[in-house]
Protein backbone atom coordinates (compact mmCIF):
# COMPACT_ATOMS: atom_id res chain seq x y z
CA UNK A 1 50.37 12.37 20.32
CA UNK A 2 51.00 10.31 23.63
CA UNK A 3 52.63 6.82 23.31
CA UNK A 4 50.29 3.88 22.68
CA UNK A 5 51.40 0.92 24.51
CA UNK A 6 49.99 -2.39 23.41
CA UNK A 7 49.64 -6.07 24.79
CA UNK A 8 50.05 -9.21 23.16
CA UNK A 9 48.83 -12.38 24.46
CA UNK A 10 50.95 -15.57 24.47
CA UNK A 11 48.90 -18.36 24.55
CA UNK A 12 50.33 -21.58 26.49
CA UNK A 13 48.56 -24.76 26.28
CA UNK A 14 46.49 -25.87 29.22
CA UNK A 15 48.72 -28.66 29.83
CA UNK A 16 51.78 -26.87 29.90
CA UNK A 17 53.16 -28.31 33.19
CA UNK A 18 57.09 -27.66 33.64
CA UNK A 19 58.00 -31.07 32.77
CA UNK A 20 61.60 -30.49 31.43
CA UNK A 21 64.18 -27.90 32.78
CA UNK A 22 63.54 -25.21 30.13
CA UNK A 23 60.50 -24.29 28.75
CA UNK A 24 60.97 -22.02 25.62
CA UNK A 25 58.06 -20.01 23.76
CA UNK A 26 57.69 -19.79 20.05
CA UNK A 27 59.42 -16.81 18.53
CA UNK A 28 56.84 -13.79 19.28
CA UNK A 29 56.40 -11.44 16.14
CA UNK A 30 54.51 -8.34 16.74
CA UNK A 31 52.53 -7.87 13.59
CA UNK A 32 55.24 -7.99 10.72
CA UNK A 33 58.53 -8.78 11.17
CA UNK A 34 59.54 -5.34 9.74
CA UNK A 35 57.89 -3.54 12.42
CA UNK A 36 60.31 -2.81 15.66
CA UNK A 37 58.87 -2.38 18.88
CA UNK A 38 60.15 -1.99 22.27
CA UNK A 39 59.11 -4.51 24.86
CA UNK A 40 58.41 -2.42 28.55
CA UNK A 41 56.70 -5.23 30.55
CA UNK A 42 56.06 -8.93 30.51
CA UNK A 43 53.54 -10.52 32.77
CA UNK A 44 53.31 -14.47 33.55
CA UNK A 45 50.67 -16.05 35.03
CA UNK A 46 51.78 -18.98 36.78
CA UNK A 47 51.94 -21.59 39.60
CA UNK A 48 55.25 -22.69 40.97
CA UNK A 49 55.54 -24.55 43.92
CA UNK A 50 59.22 -24.41 45.18
CA UNK A 51 61.06 -25.80 47.49
CA UNK A 52 61.92 -22.64 49.97
CA UNK A 53 65.01 -23.82 52.11
CA UNK A 54 67.42 -21.43 52.55
CA UNK A 55 70.92 -21.06 51.30
CA UNK A 56 73.65 -20.23 53.76
CA UNK A 57 73.12 -17.04 55.16
CA UNK A 58 70.24 -15.98 52.55
CA UNK A 59 67.95 -18.10 54.62
CA UNK A 60 64.81 -15.98 53.38
CA UNK A 61 65.42 -16.67 49.99
CA UNK A 62 64.53 -19.79 48.03
CA UNK A 63 66.90 -22.42 47.19
CA UNK A 64 65.33 -23.12 44.21
CA UNK A 65 63.27 -21.03 41.79
CA UNK A 66 61.99 -20.44 37.97
CA UNK A 67 64.29 -17.84 36.30
CA UNK A 68 62.94 -16.13 32.78
CA UNK A 69 65.48 -14.72 29.94
CA UNK A 70 64.93 -14.05 26.47
CA UNK A 71 66.35 -13.75 23.19
CA UNK A 72 65.41 -11.31 20.63
CA UNK A 73 65.25 -11.35 16.77
CA UNK A 74 65.95 -14.90 16.48
CA UNK A 75 69.29 -15.03 18.14
CA UNK A 76 70.52 -17.57 20.67
CA UNK A 77 72.17 -15.06 23.24
CA UNK A 78 70.04 -15.28 26.49
CA UNK A 79 69.01 -11.90 27.88
CA UNK A 80 68.13 -11.01 31.39
CA UNK A 81 65.30 -9.48 33.15
CA UNK A 82 65.86 -6.83 35.98
CA UNK A 83 64.52 -9.41 38.53
CA UNK A 84 64.13 -12.54 36.91
CA UNK A 85 63.02 -15.17 39.60
CA UNK A 86 59.56 -15.92 39.83
CA UNK A 87 58.33 -15.93 43.37
CA UNK A 88 56.99 -19.02 45.33
CA UNK A 89 53.38 -19.40 44.87
CA UNK A 90 50.74 -22.39 45.28
CA UNK A 91 48.09 -20.60 43.79
CA UNK A 92 47.61 -18.84 40.36
CA UNK A 93 50.05 -15.60 40.61
CA UNK A 94 50.90 -13.18 38.38
CA UNK A 95 54.90 -11.91 38.18
CA UNK A 96 55.93 -8.91 36.47
CA UNK A 97 59.12 -8.75 34.70
CA UNK A 98 61.06 -5.75 33.26
CA UNK A 99 63.68 -6.13 30.56
CA UNK A 100 67.10 -5.14 31.99
CA UNK A 101 69.46 -2.37 30.33
CA UNK A 102 67.62 -1.88 27.08
CA UNK A 103 67.82 -5.33 25.61
CA UNK A 104 64.33 -5.31 24.28
CA UNK A 105 64.30 -1.88 22.48
CA UNK A 106 64.20 -1.70 18.84
CA UNK A 107 63.48 -5.35 18.23
CA UNK A 108 61.43 -7.65 15.49
CA UNK A 109 60.65 -10.81 17.68
CA UNK A 110 61.32 -12.19 21.20
CA UNK A 111 61.06 -15.53 22.56
CA UNK A 112 60.92 -16.57 26.24
CA UNK A 113 62.94 -19.13 28.32
CA UNK A 114 61.98 -20.46 31.66
CA UNK A 115 64.31 -22.74 33.45
CA UNK A 116 64.76 -24.32 36.89
CA UNK A 117 67.27 -22.40 38.58
CA UNK A 118 69.18 -22.83 42.21
CA UNK A 119 71.03 -25.68 43.43
CA UNK A 120 70.38 -29.21 41.98
CA UNK A 121 70.87 -32.48 43.67
CA UNK A 122 73.51 -34.02 41.05
CA UNK A 123 72.46 -37.56 41.81
CA UNK A 124 68.97 -37.20 40.98
CA UNK A 125 69.06 -34.17 38.69
CA UNK A 126 66.27 -32.78 41.02
CA UNK A 127 66.60 -28.84 40.63
CA UNK A 128 63.55 -28.20 43.39
CA UNK A 129 60.68 -27.76 41.40
CA UNK A 130 57.01 -29.77 42.02
CA UNK A 131 56.71 -31.00 38.54
CA UNK A 132 53.37 -31.86 38.75
CA UNK A 133 52.29 -28.32 40.53
CA UNK A 134 54.36 -25.91 38.31
CA UNK A 135 52.68 -24.60 35.76
CA UNK A 136 52.87 -21.48 33.30
CA UNK A 137 49.28 -20.25 32.43
CA UNK A 138 49.81 -17.14 30.51
CA UNK A 139 52.28 -14.48 28.93
CA UNK A 140 51.39 -10.77 28.22
CA UNK A 141 53.99 -8.72 26.70
CA UNK A 142 53.70 -5.03 26.97
CA UNK A 143 55.01 -3.11 24.37
CA UNK A 144 55.33 0.16 22.41
CA UNK A 145 55.42 -0.10 18.54
CA UNK A 146 57.95 2.25 16.81
CA UNK A 147 56.56 5.04 14.28
CA UNK A 148 58.26 5.08 10.81
CA UNK A 149 58.96 8.46 9.97
């Protein structure tokens, strides 16, 4: 029997402008908390206008950005995606994230944390995000349910 992958959409309020340094979703449970799943990919539809001034020799990389991390099973330890930085986009775009090193296998629930990252101006607290135009529109989670044997 072939593996069956399922997509779960996480509804984000239409007015979810990233007005604070961290956006945390609610705990996403896949059906029943007793079910275990393996998350294989996460898709995020977003708009993120960023300051793209380069840092030192990395002039092609943005000085600021949005970083996505996650916690599992109600825990507080942040886990990484293999490429956690959102690409700069002034129009609606979709970013794809893959959990790193099996951190999202055999889990009951997941929560996403999106933060501004990069150099900050300590005097103003500026992290380079254009707050009025940075929005998270939708999150889709691709996962495989574990079968009970």
